[in-house]
Amino acid sequence: MLGPLASGGTAQEAAAFGEVVLISVPYRALEALGQALQAVLAGKIVLDACNPYQPDTAALIREIEACSATIWMEGATIRKAL
């Protein structure tokens, strides 16, 4: 049950509502979500709490460099969180 000041909505509605948006989804979902929300996130601060996991350190570094949230959320100010 939500408290009296809380409300629920879609990812699109939440992104449109917030001045600062925290994104915490499975890492593989970040690209699709970022592309879907790119226009609504432009000009906002986005806290990216998505972390890839790869037992091979070199592969992990390549994945992080290739899959940066900044690519999919152009126009937003991205800050890595957690």
PDB file of N, CA and C in Angstrom:
ATOM      1  N   MET A   1       0.833  -1.173   0.000  1.00  0.00           N
ATOM      2  CA  MET A   1       0.000   0.000   0.000  1.00  0.00           C
ATOM      3  C   MET A   1       0.884   1.245   0.000  1.00  0.00           C
ATOM      4  N   LEU A   2       0.557   2.193  -0.833  1.00  0.00           N
ATOM      5  CA  LEU A   2       1.300   3.442  -0.919  1.00  0.00           C
ATOM      6  C   LEU A   2       0.847   4.402   0.173  1.00  0.00           C
ATOM      7  N   GLY A   3       1.787   5.221   0.642  1.00  0.00           N
ATOM      8  CA  GLY A   3       1.441   6.239   1.625  1.00  0.00           C
ATOM      9  C   GLY A   3       0.597   7.338   0.989  1.00  0.00           C
ATOM     10  N   PRO A   4       0.087   8.260   1.785  1.00  0.00           N
ATOM     11  CA  PRO A   4      -0.822   9.293   1.275  1.00  0.00           C
ATOM     12  C   PRO A   4      -0.179  10.253   0.266  1.00  0.00           C
ATOM     13  N   LEU A   5       1.134  10.388   0.285  1.00  0.00           N
ATOM     14  CA  LEU A   5       1.795  11.314  -0.647  1.00  0.00           C
ATOM     15  C   LEU A   5       2.472  10.586  -1.803  1.00  0.00           C
ATOM     16  N   ALA A   6       2.371   9.256  -1.826  1.00  0.00           N
ATOM     17  CA  ALA A   6       3.024   8.461  -2.869  1.00  0.00           C
ATOM     18  C   ALA A   6       2.038   8.163  -3.992  1.00  0.00           C
ATOM     19  N   SER A   7       2.582   7.960  -5.167  1.00  0.00           N
ATOM     20  CA  SER A   7       1.750   7.549  -6.297  1.00  0.00           C
ATOM     21  C   SER A   7       2.565   6.616  -7.178  1.00  0.00           C
ATOM     22  N   GLY A   8       1.884   5.831  -7.961  1.00  0.00           N
ATOM     23  CA  GLY A   8       2.553   4.906  -8.865  1.00  0.00           C
ATOM     24  C   GLY A   8       2.361   5.364 -10.302  1.00  0.00           C
ATOM     25  N   GLY A   9       3.182   4.851 -11.178  1.00  0.00           N
ATOM     26  CA  GLY A   9       3.059   5.206 -12.586  1.00  0.00           C
ATOM     27  C   GLY A   9       4.023   4.401 -13.427  1.00  0.00           C
ATOM     28  N   THR A  10       4.051   4.685 -14.694  1.00  0.00           N
ATOM     29  CA  THR A  10       4.952   4.021 -15.626  1.00  0.00           C
ATOM     30  C   THR A  10       6.342   4.651 -15.536  1.00  0.00           C
ATOM     31  N   ALA A  11       7.307   3.998 -16.145  1.00  0.00           N
ATOM     32  CA  ALA A  11       8.658   4.576 -16.203  1.00  0.00           C
ATOM     33  C   ALA A  11       8.628   5.916 -16.927  1.00  0.00           C
ATOM     34  N   GLN A  12       7.853   6.018 -17.978  1.00  0.00           N
ATOM     35  CA  GLN A  12       7.721   7.266 -18.741  1.00  0.00           C
ATOM     36  C   GLN A  12       7.150   8.379 -17.854  1.00  0.00           C
ATOM     37  N   GLU A  13       6.111   8.064 -17.077  1.00  0.00           N
ATOM     38  CA  GLU A  13       5.490   9.051 -16.196  1.00  0.00           C
ATOM     39  C   GLU A  13       6.446   9.480 -15.088  1.00  0.00           C
ATOM     40  N   ALA A  14       7.168   8.512 -14.521  1.00  0.00           N
ATOM     41  CA  ALA A  14       8.119   8.828 -13.447  1.00  0.00           C
ATOM     42  C   ALA A  14       9.243   9.722 -13.963  1.00  0.00           C
ATOM     43  N   ALA A  15       9.759   9.401 -15.147  1.00  0.00           N
ATOM     44  CA  ALA A  15      10.835  10.211 -15.729  1.00  0.00           C
ATOM     45  C   ALA A  15      10.355  11.623 -16.032  1.00  0.00           C
ATOM     46  N   ALA A  16       9.135  11.753 -16.493  1.00  0.00           N
ATOM     47  CA  ALA A  16       8.579  13.081 -16.796  1.00  0.00           C
ATOM     48  C   ALA A  16       8.347  13.880 -15.520  1.00  0.00           C
ATOM     49  N   PHE A  17       7.971  13.211 -14.446  1.00  0.00           N
ATOM     50  CA  PHE A  17       7.642  13.871 -13.182  1.00  0.00           C
ATOM     51  C   PHE A  17       8.888  14.367 -12.446  1.00  0.00           C
ATOM     52  N   GLY A  18       9.927  13.553 -12.398  1.00  0.00           N
ATOM     53  CA  GLY A  18      11.078  13.856 -11.548  1.00  0.00           C
ATOM     54  C   GLY A  18      12.045  14.876 -12.116  1.00  0.00           C
ATOM     55  N   GLU A  19      12.607  15.697 -11.236  1.00  0.00           N
ATOM     56  CA  GLU A  19      13.695  16.599 -11.633  1.00  0.00           C
ATOM     57  C   GLU A  19      15.012  15.839 -11.639  1.00  0.00           C
ATOM     58  N   VAL A  20      15.134  14.902 -10.699  1.00  0.00           N
ATOM     59  CA  VAL A  20      16.272  13.996 -10.608  1.00  0.00           C
ATOM     60  C   VAL A  20      15.686  12.593 -10.685  1.00  0.00           C
ATOM     61  N   VAL A  21      16.233  11.764 -11.575  1.00  0.00           N
ATOM     62  CA  VAL A  21      15.671  10.437 -11.821  1.00  0.00           C
ATOM     63  C   VAL A  21      16.719   9.380 -11.489  1.00  0.00           C
ATOM     64  N   LEU A  22      16.357   8.422 -10.635  1.00  0.00           N
ATOM     65  CA  LEU A  22      17.224   7.288 -10.303  1.00  0.00           C
ATOM     66  C   LEU A  22      16.809   6.108 -11.165  1.00  0.00           C
ATOM     67  N   ILE A  23      17.767   5.578 -11.908  1.00  0.00           N
ATOM     68  CA  ILE A  23      17.497   4.402 -12.732  1.00  0.00           C
ATOM     69  C   ILE A  23      18.269   3.229 -12.151  1.00  0.00           C
ATOM     70  N   SER A  24      17.532   2.193 -11.797  1.00  0.00           N
ATOM     71  CA  SER A  24      18.112   0.978 -11.240  1.00  0.00           C
ATOM     72  C   SER A  24      17.384  -0.210 -11.842  1.00  0.00           C
ATOM     73  N   VAL A  25      17.893  -0.691 -12.954  1.00  0.00           N
ATOM     74  CA  VAL A  25      17.321  -1.824 -13.673  1.00  0.00           C
ATOM     75  C   VAL A  25      18.447  -2.814 -13.968  1.00  0.00           C
ATOM     76  N   PRO A  26      18.129  -4.044 -14.343  1.00  0.00           N
ATOM     77  CA  PRO A  26      19.198  -4.944 -14.780  1.00  0.00           C
ATOM     78  C   PRO A  26      20.006  -4.268 -15.893  1.00  0.00           C
ATOM     79  N   TYR A  27      21.314  -4.406 -15.844  1.00  0.00           N
ATOM     80  CA  TYR A  27      22.195  -3.689 -16.761  1.00  0.00           C
ATOM     81  C   TYR A  27      21.814  -3.888 -18.226  1.00  0.00           C
ATOM     82  N   ARG A  28      21.422  -5.094 -18.576  1.00  0.00           N
ATOM     83  CA  ARG A  28      21.066  -5.389 -19.975  1.00  0.00           C
ATOM     84  C   ARG A  28      19.819  -4.622 -20.422  1.00  0.00           C
ATOM     85  N   ALA A  29      19.013  -4.124 -19.485  1.00  0.00           N
ATOM     86  CA  ALA A  29      17.797  -3.371 -19.824  1.00  0.00           C
ATOM     87  C   ALA A  29      18.072  -1.881 -19.974  1.00  0.00           C
ATOM     88  N   LEU A  30      19.255  -1.431 -19.603  1.00  0.00           N
ATOM     89  CA  LEU A  30      19.563   0.000 -19.589  1.00  0.00           C
ATOM     90  C   LEU A  30      19.496   0.626 -20.979  1.00  0.00           C
ATOM     91  N   GLU A  31      19.989  -0.055 -21.989  1.00  0.00           N
ATOM     92  CA  GLU A  31      19.986   0.522 -23.337  1.00  0.00           C
ATOM     93  C   GLU A  31      18.557   0.793 -23.815  1.00  0.00           C
ATOM     94  N   ALA A  32      17.680  -0.199 -23.706  1.00  0.00           N
ATOM     95  CA  ALA A  32      16.301  -0.024 -24.175  1.00  0.00           C
ATOM     96  C   ALA A  32      15.580   1.055 -23.370  1.00  0.00           C
ATOM     97  N   LEU A  33      15.783   1.072 -22.058  1.00  0.00           N
ATOM     98  CA  LEU A  33      15.140   2.081 -21.224  1.00  0.00           C
ATOM     99  C   LEU A  33      15.668   3.473 -21.554  1.00  0.00           C
ATOM    100  N   GLY A  34      16.979   3.587 -21.704  1.00  0.00           N
ATOM    101  CA  GLY A  34      17.582   4.880 -22.041  1.00  0.00           C
ATOM    102  C   GLY A  34      17.082   5.415 -23.367  1.00  0.00           C
ATOM    103  N   GLN A  35      16.959   4.548 -24.348  1.00  0.00           N
ATOM    104  CA  GLN A  35      16.452   4.982 -25.647  1.00  0.00           C
ATOM    105  C   GLN A  35      14.982   5.396 -25.554  1.00  0.00           C
ATOM    106  N   ALA A  36      14.197   4.644 -24.788  1.00  0.00           N
ATOM    107  CA  ALA A  36      12.776   4.949 -24.650  1.00  0.00           C
ATOM    108  C   ALA A  36      12.531   6.259 -23.907  1.00  0.00           C
ATOM    109  N   LEU A  37      13.422   6.581 -22.975  1.00  0.00           N
ATOM    110  CA  LEU A  37      13.220   7.767 -22.131  1.00  0.00           C
ATOM    111  C   LEU A  37      14.107   8.950 -22.517  1.00  0.00           C
ATOM    112  N   GLN A  38      14.893   8.809 -23.558  1.00  0.00           N
ATOM    113  CA  GLN A  38      15.880   9.833 -23.906  1.00  0.00           C
ATOM    114  C   GLN A  38      15.280  11.227 -23.993  1.00  0.00           C
ATOM    115  N   ALA A  39      14.189  11.391 -24.691  1.00  0.00           N
ATOM    116  CA  ALA A  39      13.606  12.725 -24.881  1.00  0.00           C
ATOM    117  C   ALA A  39      13.116  13.315 -23.563  1.00  0.00           C
ATOM    118  N   VAL A  40      12.475  12.517 -22.736  1.00  0.00           N
ATOM    119  CA  VAL A  40      11.922  13.026 -21.486  1.00  0.00           C
ATOM    120  C   VAL A  40      13.016  13.277 -20.434  1.00  0.00           C
ATOM    121  N   LEU A  41      14.166  12.606 -20.559  1.00  0.00           N
ATOM    122  CA  LEU A  41      15.262  12.797 -19.600  1.00  0.00           C
ATOM    123  C   LEU A  41      16.197  13.953 -19.976  1.00  0.00           C
ATOM    124  N   ALA A  42      16.075  14.456 -21.180  1.00  0.00           N
ATOM    125  CA  ALA A  42      16.948  15.556 -21.622  1.00  0.00           C
ATOM    126  C   ALA A  42      16.820  16.736 -20.662  1.00  0.00           C
ATOM    127  N   GLY A  43      17.955  17.222 -20.187  1.00  0.00           N
ATOM    128  CA  GLY A  43      17.996  18.356 -19.277  1.00  0.00           C
ATOM    129  C   GLY A  43      17.845  17.984 -17.812  1.00  0.00           C
ATOM    130  N   LYS A  44      17.626  16.715 -17.510  1.00  0.00           N
ATOM    131  CA  LYS A  44      17.458  16.273 -16.125  1.00  0.00           C
ATOM    132  C   LYS A  44      18.740  15.620 -15.614  1.00  0.00           C
ATOM    133  N   ILE A  45      18.816  15.464 -14.312  1.00  0.00           N
ATOM    134  CA  ILE A  45      19.910  14.727 -13.702  1.00  0.00           C
ATOM    135  C   ILE A  45      19.452  13.277 -13.561  1.00  0.00           C
ATOM    136  N   VAL A  46      20.263  12.350 -14.077  1.00  0.00           N
ATOM    137  CA  VAL A  46      19.947  10.929 -14.002  1.00  0.00           C
ATOM    138  C   VAL A  46      21.012  10.244 -13.160  1.00  0.00           C
ATOM    139  N   LEU A  47      20.573   9.563 -12.108  1.00  0.00           N
ATOM    140  CA  LEU A  47      21.467   8.761 -11.282  1.00  0.00           C
ATOM    141  C   LEU A  47      21.395   7.336 -11.798  1.00  0.00           C
ATOM    142  N   ASP A  48      22.496   6.843 -12.326  1.00  0.00           N
ATOM    143  CA  ASP A  48      22.574   5.515 -12.929  1.00  0.00           C
ATOM    144  C   ASP A  48      23.108   4.535 -11.889  1.00  0.00           C
ATOM    145  N   ALA A  49      22.228   3.680 -11.365  1.00  0.00           N
ATOM    146  CA  ALA A  49      22.629   2.693 -10.360  1.00  0.00           C
ATOM    147  C   ALA A  49      22.737   1.297 -10.966  1.00  0.00           C
ATOM    148  N   CYS A  50      22.886   1.223 -12.273  1.00  0.00           N
ATOM    149  CA  CYS A  50      22.992  -0.064 -12.965  1.00  0.00           C
ATOM    150  C   CYS A  50      24.465  -0.462 -13.053  1.00  0.00           C
ATOM    151  N   ASN A  51      24.765  -1.661 -12.624  1.00  0.00           N
ATOM    152  CA  ASN A  51      26.150  -2.118 -12.615  1.00  0.00           C
ATOM    153  C   ASN A  51      26.280  -3.450 -13.336  1.00  0.00           C
ATOM    154  N   PRO A  52      27.120  -3.488 -14.364  1.00  0.00           N
ATOM    155  CA  PRO A  52      27.340  -4.753 -15.059  1.00  0.00           C
ATOM    156  C   PRO A  52      28.180  -5.684 -14.187  1.00  0.00           C
ATOM    157  N   TYR A  53      28.007  -6.944 -14.379  1.00  0.00           N
ATOM    158  CA  TYR A  53      28.853  -7.914 -13.681  1.00  0.00           C
ATOM    159  C   TYR A  53      29.443  -8.844 -14.715  1.00  0.00           C
ATOM    160  N   GLN A  54      30.718  -9.002 -14.649  1.00  0.00           N
ATOM    161  CA  GLN A  54      31.448  -9.852 -15.577  1.00  0.00           C
ATOM    162  C   GLN A  54      32.657 -10.398 -14.823  1.00  0.00           C
ATOM    163  N   PRO A  55      32.792 -11.709 -14.676  1.00  0.00           N
ATOM    164  CA  PRO A  55      33.941 -12.233 -13.931  1.00  0.00           C
ATOM    165  C   PRO A  55      35.285 -11.898 -14.586  1.00  0.00           C
ATOM    166  N   ASP A  56      35.273 -11.673 -15.884  1.00  0.00           N
ATOM    167  CA  ASP A  56      36.485 -11.312 -16.622  1.00  0.00           C
ATOM    168  C   ASP A  56      36.624  -9.789 -16.598  1.00  0.00           C
ATOM    169  N   THR A  57      37.603  -9.273 -15.876  1.00  0.00           N
ATOM    170  CA  THR A  57      37.776  -7.831 -15.702  1.00  0.00           C
ATOM    171  C   THR A  57      37.928  -7.097 -17.031  1.00  0.00           C
ATOM    172  N   ALA A  58      38.696  -7.629 -17.959  1.00  0.00           N
ATOM    173  CA  ALA A  58      38.896  -6.970 -19.255  1.00  0.00           C
ATOM    174  C   ALA A  58      37.571  -6.864 -20.011  1.00  0.00           C
ATOM    175  N   ALA A  59      36.767  -7.928 -19.967  1.00  0.00           N
ATOM    176  CA  ALA A  59      35.465  -7.905 -20.637  1.00  0.00           C
ATOM    177  C   ALA A  59      34.542  -6.890 -19.970  1.00  0.00           C
ATOM    178  N   LEU A  60      34.614  -6.785 -18.664  1.00  0.00           N
ATOM    179  CA  LEU A  60      33.802  -5.820 -17.931  1.00  0.00           C
ATOM    180  C   LEU A  60      34.145  -4.397 -18.355  1.00  0.00           C
ATOM    181  N   ILE A  61      35.407  -4.086 -18.443  1.00  0.00           N
ATOM    182  CA  ILE A  61      35.846  -2.745 -18.851  1.00  0.00           C
ATOM    183  C   ILE A  61      35.363  -2.441 -20.266  1.00  0.00           C
ATOM    184  N   ARG A  62      35.485  -3.404 -21.170  1.00  0.00           N
ATOM    185  CA  ARG A  62      35.006  -3.192 -22.546  1.00  0.00           C
ATOM    186  C   ARG A  62      33.498  -2.942 -22.562  1.00  0.00           C
ATOM    187  N   GLU A  63      32.747  -3.698 -21.750  1.00  0.00           N
ATOM    188  CA  GLU A  63      31.296  -3.535 -21.715  1.00  0.00           C
ATOM    189  C   GLU A  63      30.905  -2.169 -21.173  1.00  0.00           C
ATOM    190  N   ILE A  64      31.566  -1.721 -20.118  1.00  0.00           N
ATOM    191  CA  ILE A  64      31.261  -0.409 -19.540  1.00  0.00           C
ATOM    192  C   ILE A  64      31.561   0.695 -20.542  1.00  0.00           C
ATOM    193  N   GLU A  65      32.703   0.597 -21.222  1.00  0.00           N
ATOM    194  CA  GLU A  65      33.068   1.623 -22.192  1.00  0.00           C
ATOM    195  C   GLU A  65      32.120   1.641 -23.381  1.00  0.00           C
ATOM    196  N   ALA A  66      31.622   0.482 -23.797  1.00  0.00           N
ATOM    197  CA  ALA A  66      30.753   0.392 -24.967  1.00  0.00           C
ATOM    198  C   ALA A  66      29.295   0.702 -24.643  1.00  0.00           C
ATOM    199  N   CYS A  67      28.905   0.547 -23.398  1.00  0.00           N
ATOM    200  CA  CYS A  67      27.480   0.639 -23.034  1.00  0.00           C
ATOM    201  C   CYS A  67      27.229   1.748 -22.030  1.00  0.00           C
ATOM    202  N   SER A  68      27.811   2.862 -22.227  1.00  0.00           N
ATOM    203  CA  SER A  68      27.626   3.970 -21.298  1.00  0.00           C
ATOM    204  C   SER A  68      26.224   4.541 -21.383  1.00  0.00           C
ATOM    205  N   ALA A  69      25.626   4.821 -20.232  1.00  0.00           N
ATOM    206  CA  ALA A  69      24.287   5.426 -20.192  1.00  0.00           C
ATOM    207  C   ALA A  69      24.263   6.752 -20.935  1.00  0.00           C
ATOM    208  N   THR A  70      25.407   7.433 -21.033  1.00  0.00           N
ATOM    209  CA  THR A  70      25.432   8.727 -21.722  1.00  0.00           C
ATOM    210  C   THR A  70      25.107   8.581 -23.201  1.00  0.00           C
ATOM    211  N   ILE A  71      25.355   7.412 -23.768  1.00  0.00           N
ATOM    212  CA  ILE A  71      25.048   7.170 -25.180  1.00  0.00           C
ATOM    213  C   ILE A  71      23.540   7.156 -25.388  1.00  0.00           C
ATOM    214  N   TRP A  72      22.813   6.544 -24.452  1.00  0.00           N
ATOM    215  CA  TRP A  72      21.376   6.331 -24.623  1.00  0.00           C
ATOM    216  C   TRP A  72      20.538   7.445 -24.036  1.00  0.00           C
ATOM    217  N   MET A  73      21.124   8.315 -23.251  1.00  0.00           N
ATOM    218  CA  MET A  73      20.351   9.378 -22.609  1.00  0.00           C
ATOM    219  C   MET A  73      20.975  10.733 -22.907  1.00  0.00           C
ATOM    220  N   GLU A  74      21.278  10.948 -24.156  1.00  0.00           N
ATOM    221  CA  GLU A  74      21.900  12.192 -24.579  1.00  0.00           C
ATOM    222  C   GLU A  74      21.029  13.362 -24.159  1.00  0.00           C
ATOM    223  N   GLY A  75      21.662  14.382 -23.619  1.00  0.00           N
ATOM    224  CA  GLY A  75      20.954  15.569 -23.171  1.00  0.00           C
ATOM    225  C   GLY A  75      20.704  15.574 -21.676  1.00  0.00           C
ATOM    226  N   ALA A  76      20.838  14.405 -21.039  1.00  0.00           N
ATOM    227  CA  ALA A  76      20.678  14.315 -19.582  1.00  0.00           C
ATOM    228  C   ALA A  76      22.057  14.408 -18.939  1.00  0.00           C
ATOM    229  N   THR A  77      22.106  14.838 -17.703  1.00  0.00           N
ATOM    230  CA  THR A  77      23.355  14.837 -16.935  1.00  0.00           C
ATOM    231  C   THR A  77      23.399  13.518 -16.179  1.00  0.00           C
ATOM    232  N   ILE A  78      24.323  12.639 -16.551  1.00  0.00           N
ATOM    233  CA  ILE A  78      24.397  11.292 -15.964  1.00  0.00           C
ATOM    234  C   ILE A  78      25.431  11.270 -14.853  1.00  0.00           C
ATOM    235  N   ARG A  79      25.058  10.699 -13.733  1.00  0.00           N
ATOM    236  CA  ARG A  79      25.979  10.479 -12.608  1.00  0.00           C
ATOM    237  C   ARG A  79      25.860   9.030 -12.192  1.00  0.00           C
ATOM    238  N   LYS A  80      26.979   8.343 -12.111  1.00  0.00           N
ATOM    239  CA  LYS A  80      26.986   6.950 -11.671  1.00  0.00           C
ATOM    240  C   LYS A  80      26.754   6.932 -10.173  1.00  0.00           C
ATOM    241  N   ALA A  81      25.831   6.082  -9.713  1.00  0.00           N
ATOM    242  CA  ALA A  81      25.482   6.008  -8.292  1.00  0.00           C
ATOM    243  C   ALA A  81      25.575   4.566  -7.829  1.00  0.00           C
ATOM    244  N   LEU A  82      25.934   4.423  -6.582  1.00  0.00           N
ATOM    245  CA  LEU A  82      25.990   3.118  -5.944  1.00  0.00           C
ATOM    246  C   LEU A  82      27.003   2.275  -6.602  1.00  0.00           C
TER     247      LEU A  82
END
